[in-house]
Amino acid sequence: MWNAGAFALAVSFTVAIAAPPQHGPHEKIANASHVVLDEPLAVSLTAMPLSCLDHPHARPATRGYLWEASYRPVDDYARTRVFYGCFDWHSAVNSTWSLVKALKMFPRMATAPLIRSELDRHLGKSNVAGEVAFFKGSGQFEVPYGLAWTLKLQGELLSWNDPDAKKWSENLQPLVTLFSDRLTTYFQQLEKPVRTGLHPNSALGMNLLFDYLSIAKDEELKKVVLEAASRFYSADTNCATAAEPAPTDFISPCMVEAALMGRILVPAAFTAWFDKFMPALESPQFAPLRASIDPSLITSPSRLAAKSHMIGLAFMRAEEMNRVAAALPRNDPRAAALQRLSAVHAQQGMAAMHVAGYVGSHFLGAFSFLYLLSVAP
């Protein structure tokens, strides 16, 4: 059985600060082994979403998704809501996605019957109907991050040849249609990208949509996303690496943008763009993206959320670096260097995954899956 402590790794992260040529050797980037997603690890990771999917959201300061103004849950929420667990709405969505992905990859895993039962209860027709009714009047709630995760979940179901998956995707489609329309309008009207290291980041939302867009016949949203990505980022140069990370960031704004551009540009065009956008990997300018993740530095119990985001940052850096490496030509030495650096960040995330308790476990299982699925076979 997988144990998070087994991944604790003492890795020296000191590198030379003299910048080599942009395409020079990168042997001084720290080395580590990638974690491999196998069935025992999948079973272990699904324990986190399974433990929180039925754990209702905490009472908000104001009326919200689950709680009425009288501070009682909405009536019959277990049959009129889909994503009411795992601390907050978007985490319930990405937790559901991680269960679908794990079951799809390992249909005979030990937790498979429980996962199917949970998904069947949460993705019922009445649950989705309740979600649609709520979101018709929800304004900008969960735009774009949570909505993008929902479409990513639908993409996973649509690409799975399984009777239950077909039923769940059909049940979910009314909510997907509503969200697709809302995201289409959102990205059409967005004048400039959101570049934060948190949920509203525009590149993050668009990255999450790509698996859905690759299989769903949603041509209008696909057209809008591609146009917005090009409009926002094609002329970007010299990413502000010195600003990373902000105290509560869980993504690297520079790397998530690069990962997105790697999806929409052919390798030669992406390489030319990346040359202007990202500093040399061993340079002082890239040092913030090499820096170790050490959540033990956050000791205050009141800052558990910041600690959990720091651990999430390790996984998201790891995933984003692997995506960028895959978009570069194979003979570009930066590709291998980014894959090694990705493994270092992932090892640090695995070692710290449980130190933030429920405040972290409600979403870190999904983030670890994002990294694990980005590892080249």
Protein backbone atom coordinates (compact mmCIF):
# COMPACT_ATOMS: atom_id res chain seq x y z
CA MET A 1 0.00 0.00 0.00
CA TRP A 2 1.23 3.47 -0.85
CA ASN A 3 2.46 5.59 2.05
CA ALA A 4 2.99 9.34 1.68
CA GLY A 5 5.98 9.23 4.01
CA ALA A 6 7.79 6.89 1.66
CA PHE A 7 8.10 9.77 -0.76
CA ALA A 8 9.95 12.09 1.59
CA LEU A 9 13.07 12.99 -0.31
CA ALA A 10 16.11 14.97 0.70
CA VAL A 11 16.96 16.72 -2.53
CA SER A 12 19.57 19.42 -2.81
CA PHE A 13 18.05 22.24 -4.81
CA THR A 14 21.15 24.40 -5.15
CA VAL A 15 21.94 25.22 -8.77
CA ALA A 16 24.48 27.38 -10.53
CA ILE A 17 23.19 30.91 -11.08
CA ALA A 18 25.32 31.63 -14.14
CA ALA A 19 22.91 31.52 -17.06
CA PRO A 20 23.99 29.21 -19.91
CA PRO A 21 22.85 29.72 -23.50
CA GLN A 22 19.09 29.26 -23.86
CA HIS A 23 19.52 25.87 -25.53
CA GLY A 24 22.63 24.79 -23.63
CA PRO A 25 22.94 21.74 -21.34
CA HIS A 26 20.83 21.60 -18.18
CA GLU A 27 22.58 18.90 -16.17
CA LYS A 28 22.58 21.03 -13.01
CA ILE A 29 18.81 20.93 -12.61
CA ALA A 30 18.07 18.70 -9.61
CA ASN A 31 17.07 15.12 -10.33
CA ALA A 32 14.35 12.85 -8.93
CA SER A 33 12.15 9.98 -10.08
CA HIS A 34 8.57 10.50 -11.19
CA VAL A 35 5.83 8.85 -9.17
CA VAL A 36 4.00 6.23 -11.24
CA LEU A 37 0.23 5.88 -11.04
CA ASP A 38 -0.57 2.24 -10.42
CA GLU A 39 -3.58 0.54 -8.89
CA PRO A 40 -2.42 0.57 -5.23
CA LEU A 41 -1.66 4.29 -5.47
CA ALA A 42 -5.02 4.93 -7.13
CA VAL A 43 -6.81 3.10 -4.31
CA SER A 44 -4.96 5.20 -1.76
CA LEU A 45 -5.68 8.48 -3.52
CA THR A 46 -9.39 7.74 -3.96
CA ALA A 47 -9.70 7.49 -0.19
CA MET A 48 -9.56 11.31 -0.02
CA PRO A 49 -12.51 12.13 -2.30
CA LEU A 50 -14.50 9.18 -0.96
CA SER A 51 -14.11 10.52 2.57
CA CYS A 52 -15.37 14.00 1.70
CA LEU A 53 -17.91 13.67 -1.10
CA ASP A 54 -20.77 13.33 1.43
CA HIS A 55 -19.24 15.78 3.91
CA PRO A 56 -21.39 18.91 3.37
CA HIS A 57 -19.83 22.30 2.80
CA ALA A 58 -19.23 24.43 5.89
CA ARG A 59 -21.76 27.14 6.76
CA PRO A 60 -20.86 30.34 4.88
CA ALA A 61 -20.83 33.88 6.25
CA THR A 62 -23.65 34.75 3.84
CA ARG A 63 -26.32 32.73 2.07
CA GLY A 64 -24.68 30.42 -0.41
CA TYR A 65 -24.92 27.33 -2.51
CA LEU A 66 -25.84 24.80 0.20
CA TRP A 67 -27.05 26.92 3.14
CA GLU A 68 -30.24 29.03 3.24
CA ALA A 69 -30.32 32.42 4.97
CA SER A 70 -31.66 30.66 8.06
CA TYR A 71 -28.39 28.68 8.11
CA ARG A 72 -29.88 25.31 7.44
CA PRO A 73 -29.06 23.17 4.40
CA VAL A 74 -31.47 23.31 1.49
CA ASP A 75 -34.19 20.69 1.58
CA ASP A 76 -33.25 17.18 0.46
CA TYR A 77 -29.82 18.32 -0.73
CA ALA A 78 -28.60 14.73 -1.15
CA ARG A 79 -31.10 14.39 -4.03
CA THR A 80 -31.18 17.99 -5.29
CA ARG A 81 -27.48 18.82 -5.39
CA VAL A 82 -24.54 17.03 -7.01
CA PHE A 83 -21.47 18.76 -5.61
CA TYR A 84 -22.29 19.46 -1.96
CA GLY A 85 -19.23 17.89 -0.29
CA CYS A 86 -15.46 18.29 -0.07
CA PHE A 87 -15.25 21.72 1.61
CA ASP A 88 -16.33 23.81 -1.40
CA TRP A 89 -18.18 23.39 -4.67
CA HIS A 90 -15.26 23.27 -7.11
CA SER A 91 -13.40 20.77 -4.92
CA ALA A 92 -16.44 18.50 -4.95
CA VAL A 93 -16.34 18.66 -8.74
CA ASN A 94 -12.63 17.86 -9.05
CA SER A 95 -12.97 15.13 -6.43
CA THR A 96 -15.76 13.59 -8.50
CA TRP A 97 -13.54 13.82 -11.59
CA SER A 98 -10.69 12.05 -9.79
CA LEU A 99 -13.01 9.18 -8.82
CA VAL A 100 -14.23 8.84 -12.40
CA LYS A 101 -10.66 8.87 -13.71
CA ALA A 102 -9.44 6.28 -11.21
CA LEU A 103 -12.40 3.96 -11.86
CA LYS A 104 -11.95 4.34 -15.59
CA MET A 105 -8.26 3.37 -15.37
CA PHE A 106 -8.64 0.61 -12.77
CA PRO A 107 -12.20 -0.78 -13.01
CA ARG A 108 -11.40 -3.72 -10.70
CA MET A 109 -9.72 -1.70 -7.96
CA ALA A 110 -10.72 -2.46 -4.38
CA THR A 111 -12.74 0.73 -4.01
CA ALA A 112 -14.51 0.37 -7.39
CA PRO A 113 -17.93 -0.76 -6.03
CA LEU A 114 -18.00 2.08 -3.51
CA ILE A 115 -16.96 4.61 -6.15
CA ARG A 116 -19.74 3.47 -8.51
CA SER A 117 -22.28 3.72 -5.72
CA GLU A 118 -21.16 7.24 -4.79
CA LEU A 119 -21.15 8.45 -8.39
CA ASP A 120 -24.57 6.95 -9.00
CA ARG A 121 -26.04 8.77 -6.00
CA HIS A 122 -24.44 12.13 -6.82
CA LEU A 123 -24.95 12.12 -10.60
CA GLY A 124 -28.65 11.26 -10.58
CA LYS A 125 -31.17 13.17 -12.69
CA SER A 126 -32.81 14.88 -9.72
CA ASN A 127 -29.40 15.97 -8.39
CA VAL A 128 -28.47 17.57 -11.71
CA ALA A 129 -31.89 19.20 -12.03
CA GLY A 130 -31.33 20.85 -8.67
CA GLU A 131 -27.92 22.08 -9.76
CA VAL A 132 -29.37 23.56 -12.94
CA ALA A 133 -32.11 25.33 -10.99
CA PHE A 134 -29.55 26.85 -8.62
CA PHE A 135 -27.11 27.92 -11.30
CA LYS A 136 -29.71 29.63 -13.46
CA GLY A 137 -29.67 32.38 -10.84
CA SER A 138 -26.13 32.04 -9.51
CA GLY A 139 -24.50 34.96 -11.32
CA GLN A 140 -20.71 34.60 -11.43
CA PHE A 141 -20.55 31.84 -8.81
CA GLU A 142 -17.66 29.47 -9.70
CA VAL A 143 -16.92 31.21 -13.04
CA PRO A 144 -14.61 30.09 -14.62
CA TYR A 145 -12.80 27.57 -12.38
CA GLY A 146 -15.61 25.38 -11.08
CA LEU A 147 -17.48 25.45 -14.38
CA ALA A 148 -14.33 24.39 -16.23
CA TRP A 149 -13.85 21.46 -13.85
CA THR A 150 -17.43 20.36 -14.54
CA LEU A 151 -16.78 20.26 -18.28
CA LYS A 152 -13.53 18.37 -17.63
CA LEU A 153 -15.59 15.82 -15.68
CA GLN A 154 -18.01 15.55 -18.60
CA GLY A 155 -15.13 15.02 -21.01
CA GLU A 156 -13.94 12.11 -18.88
CA LEU A 157 -17.40 10.53 -18.93
CA LEU A 158 -17.88 11.04 -22.66
CA SER A 159 -14.57 9.33 -23.45
CA TRP A 160 -15.38 6.25 -21.34
CA ASN A 161 -17.10 3.25 -22.92
CA ASP A 162 -19.05 2.22 -19.85
CA PRO A 163 -22.86 1.93 -19.34
CA ASP A 164 -22.80 3.88 -16.08
CA ALA A 165 -20.60 6.58 -17.60
CA LYS A 166 -23.06 6.96 -20.48
CA LYS A 167 -25.94 7.37 -18.04
CA TRP A 168 -24.04 9.85 -15.87
CA SER A 169 -22.93 11.95 -18.83
CA GLU A 170 -26.51 12.09 -20.14
CA ASN A 171 -27.73 13.14 -16.70
CA LEU A 172 -25.02 15.80 -16.44
CA GLN A 173 -25.55 17.26 -19.92
CA PRO A 174 -28.15 19.94 -18.97
CA LEU A 175 -25.68 21.42 -16.49
CA VAL A 176 -22.85 21.13 -19.03
CA THR A 177 -24.92 22.97 -21.65
CA LEU A 178 -25.64 25.79 -19.20
CA PHE A 179 -21.98 26.04 -18.21
CA SER A 180 -20.73 25.91 -21.79
CA ASP A 181 -22.93 28.86 -22.70
CA ARG A 182 -21.81 30.76 -19.61
CA LEU A 183 -18.12 30.14 -20.27
CA THR A 184 -18.51 31.08 -23.93
CA THR A 185 -19.94 34.44 -22.92
CA TYR A 186 -17.34 34.87 -20.17
CA PHE A 187 -14.30 34.39 -22.40
CA GLN A 188 -15.85 36.42 -25.23
CA GLN A 189 -16.36 39.38 -22.92
CA LEU A 190 -13.15 39.11 -20.90
CA GLU A 191 -11.02 42.06 -22.01
CA LYS A 192 -7.73 40.88 -20.48
CA PRO A 193 -6.64 37.65 -18.79
CA VAL A 194 -6.67 37.08 -15.06
CA ARG A 195 -3.07 36.23 -14.17
CA THR A 196 -3.39 35.38 -10.47
CA GLY A 197 -1.99 32.18 -8.98
CA LEU A 198 -5.45 31.21 -7.75
CA HIS A 199 -8.79 29.91 -9.04
CA PRO A 200 -9.74 32.77 -11.42
CA ASN A 201 -6.58 32.39 -13.54
CA SER A 202 -7.72 32.43 -17.17
CA ALA A 203 -5.06 30.06 -18.49
CA LEU A 204 -5.88 27.55 -15.76
CA GLY A 205 -9.56 27.55 -16.70
CA MET A 206 -8.80 27.09 -20.38
CA ASN A 207 -6.33 24.27 -19.67
CA LEU A 208 -9.00 22.42 -17.70
CA LEU A 209 -11.38 22.68 -20.66
CA PHE A 210 -9.14 21.06 -23.25
CA ASP A 211 -9.94 17.40 -22.52
CA TYR A 212 -13.65 18.20 -22.82
CA LEU A 213 -13.14 20.22 -26.01
CA SER A 214 -11.15 17.38 -27.59
CA ILE A 215 -14.13 15.00 -27.46
CA ALA A 216 -17.33 17.03 -27.08
CA LYS A 217 -18.89 18.57 -30.18
CA ASP A 218 -18.87 22.00 -28.58
CA GLU A 219 -17.50 24.00 -31.48
CA GLU A 220 -18.59 27.44 -30.25
CA LEU A 221 -16.82 27.15 -26.90
CA LYS A 222 -13.76 25.62 -28.58
CA LYS A 223 -13.58 28.52 -31.04
CA VAL A 224 -13.92 31.09 -28.26
CA VAL A 225 -11.29 29.44 -26.05
CA LEU A 226 -8.73 29.24 -28.86
CA GLU A 227 -9.37 32.84 -29.84
CA ALA A 228 -9.11 34.07 -26.26
CA ALA A 229 -5.88 32.15 -25.62
CA SER A 230 -4.29 33.66 -28.71
CA ARG A 231 -5.60 37.15 -27.92
CA PHE A 232 -4.42 37.05 -24.32
CA TYR A 233 -1.04 35.38 -24.57
CA SER A 234 0.47 35.17 -28.07
CA ALA A 235 2.44 38.42 -27.71
CA ASP A 236 3.59 37.80 -24.11
CA THR A 237 7.31 37.99 -23.34
CA ASN A 238 9.47 37.90 -20.21
CA CYS A 239 7.05 36.36 -17.76
CA ALA A 240 7.17 37.92 -14.30
CA THR A 241 8.78 34.94 -12.57
CA ALA A 242 10.05 37.18 -9.74
CA ALA A 243 6.45 37.63 -8.57
CA GLU A 244 6.01 33.90 -7.92
CA PRO A 245 4.70 32.53 -5.72
CA ALA A 246 2.32 34.83 -3.89
CA PRO A 247 1.58 33.67 -0.31
CA THR A 248 -1.54 31.64 -1.17
CA ASP A 249 -0.83 30.60 -4.79
CA PHE A 250 -1.53 27.03 -5.83
CA ILE A 251 -0.47 27.44 -9.47
CA SER A 252 2.44 29.08 -11.26
CA PRO A 253 0.94 31.78 -13.50
CA CYS A 254 3.97 31.61 -15.81
CA MET A 255 3.99 27.83 -16.18
CA VAL A 256 0.22 27.45 -16.55
CA GLU A 257 0.26 30.01 -19.36
CA ALA A 258 3.12 28.17 -21.05
CA ALA A 259 1.26 24.86 -20.68
CA LEU A 260 -1.77 26.39 -22.39
CA MET A 261 0.27 27.79 -25.27
CA GLY A 262 1.87 24.39 -25.70
CA ARG A 263 -1.60 23.02 -26.37
CA ILE A 264 -2.56 25.52 -29.06
CA LEU A 265 0.73 26.06 -30.93
CA VAL A 266 2.67 23.63 -33.11
CA PRO A 267 6.11 22.72 -31.65
CA ALA A 268 8.14 25.15 -33.76
CA ALA A 269 5.84 28.07 -33.01
CA PHE A 270 5.67 27.14 -29.34
CA THR A 271 9.46 26.93 -29.06
CA ALA A 272 9.82 30.41 -30.56
CA TRP A 273 7.17 31.75 -28.18
CA PHE A 274 8.70 29.99 -25.15
CA ASP A 275 12.19 31.37 -25.97
CA LYS A 276 10.83 34.90 -25.51
CA PHE A 277 8.53 34.11 -22.60
CA MET A 278 10.58 32.07 -20.14
CA PRO A 279 14.12 32.76 -18.86
CA ALA A 280 16.84 30.11 -19.04
CA LEU A 281 16.12 27.36 -16.56
CA GLU A 282 19.36 27.76 -14.57
CA SER A 283 19.20 31.56 -14.57
CA PRO A 284 18.49 33.67 -11.48
CA GLN A 285 15.24 34.77 -13.13
CA PHE A 286 13.94 31.17 -13.17
CA ALA A 287 14.99 30.52 -9.55
CA PRO A 288 11.48 31.14 -8.07
CA LEU A 289 10.16 28.23 -10.15
CA ARG A 290 12.97 25.95 -8.98
CA ALA A 291 12.45 26.80 -5.29
CA SER A 292 11.56 23.95 -2.94
CA ILE A 293 8.10 23.57 -1.48
CA ASP A 294 8.32 23.44 2.32
CA PRO A 295 4.90 23.66 4.04
CA SER A 296 6.57 23.11 7.44
CA LEU A 297 7.50 26.80 7.28
CA ILE A 298 3.82 27.62 7.83
CA THR A 299 3.30 26.81 11.52
CA SER A 300 0.15 28.77 12.42
CA PRO A 301 -2.99 26.58 12.69
CA SER A 302 -4.95 29.51 11.27
CA ARG A 303 -2.98 29.26 8.02
CA LEU A 304 -3.85 25.68 7.09
CA ALA A 305 -5.43 26.91 3.86
CA ALA A 306 -2.16 28.59 2.84
CA LYS A 307 -0.28 25.41 3.73
CA SER A 308 -2.63 23.30 1.62
CA HIS A 309 -2.25 25.68 -1.32
CA MET A 310 1.52 25.44 -1.04
CA ILE A 311 1.28 21.66 -1.36
CA GLY A 312 -1.10 22.10 -4.27
CA LEU A 313 1.46 24.38 -5.89
CA ALA A 314 3.99 21.54 -5.84
CA PHE A 315 1.60 19.29 -7.80
CA MET A 316 0.50 22.00 -10.20
CA ARG A 317 4.06 23.09 -10.97
CA ALA A 318 4.87 19.43 -11.59
CA GLU A 319 1.94 18.99 -13.97
CA GLU A 320 2.54 22.27 -15.80
CA MET A 321 6.25 21.55 -16.27
CA ASN A 322 5.49 18.13 -17.72
CA ARG A 323 2.96 19.66 -20.13
CA VAL A 324 5.49 22.25 -21.28
CA ALA A 325 8.18 19.58 -21.67
CA ALA A 326 5.84 17.54 -23.87
CA ALA A 327 5.17 20.58 -26.07
CA LEU A 328 8.87 21.26 -26.70
CA PRO A 329 10.77 19.35 -29.40
CA ARG A 330 12.29 16.14 -28.04
CA ASN A 331 15.81 17.32 -28.73
CA ASP A 332 15.34 20.55 -26.77
CA PRO A 333 17.36 20.04 -23.55
CA ARG A 334 14.85 22.10 -21.60
CA ALA A 335 12.29 19.33 -22.03
CA ALA A 336 14.33 16.80 -20.04
CA ALA A 337 15.26 19.45 -17.47
CA LEU A 338 11.63 20.40 -16.90
CA GLN A 339 10.67 16.75 -16.50
CA ARG A 340 13.36 16.32 -13.83
CA LEU A 341 12.25 19.47 -12.06
CA SER A 342 8.63 18.31 -12.27
CA ALA A 343 9.58 15.09 -10.47
CA VAL A 344 11.29 17.05 -7.68
CA HIS A 345 8.20 19.18 -7.09
CA ALA A 346 5.93 16.13 -7.21
CA GLN A 347 8.02 14.26 -4.64
CA GLN A 348 7.74 17.25 -2.31
CA GLY A 349 3.97 17.35 -2.82
CA MET A 350 3.58 13.63 -2.15
CA ALA A 351 5.65 13.86 1.01
CA ALA A 352 3.50 16.70 2.38
CA MET A 353 0.09 15.69 1.06
CA HIS A 354 -1.52 15.00 4.44
CA VAL A 355 0.02 17.69 6.65
CA ALA A 356 -2.86 20.16 6.14
CA GLY A 357 -5.58 17.70 7.20
CA TYR A 358 -9.06 18.05 5.71
CA VAL A 359 -8.28 21.57 4.50
CA GLY A 360 -5.85 19.94 2.07
CA SER A 361 -7.20 16.46 1.55
CA HIS A 362 -10.45 17.75 0.05
CA PHE A 363 -8.64 18.75 -3.16
CA LEU A 364 -5.06 17.44 -3.13
CA GLY A 365 -6.08 13.99 -4.32
CA ALA A 366 -7.39 15.54 -7.54
CA PHE A 367 -4.29 17.72 -7.93
CA SER A 368 -2.02 14.71 -7.52
CA PHE A 369 -3.99 12.93 -10.26
CA LEU A 370 -3.40 15.90 -12.58
CA TYR A 371 0.32 15.52 -12.09
CA LEU A 372 0.34 11.73 -12.35
CA LEU A 373 -1.58 11.84 -15.63
CA SER A 374 0.94 14.29 -17.08
CA VAL A 375 3.89 11.93 -16.60
CA ALA A 376 5.08 10.65 -19.96
CA PRO A 377 4.65 6.83 -20.29
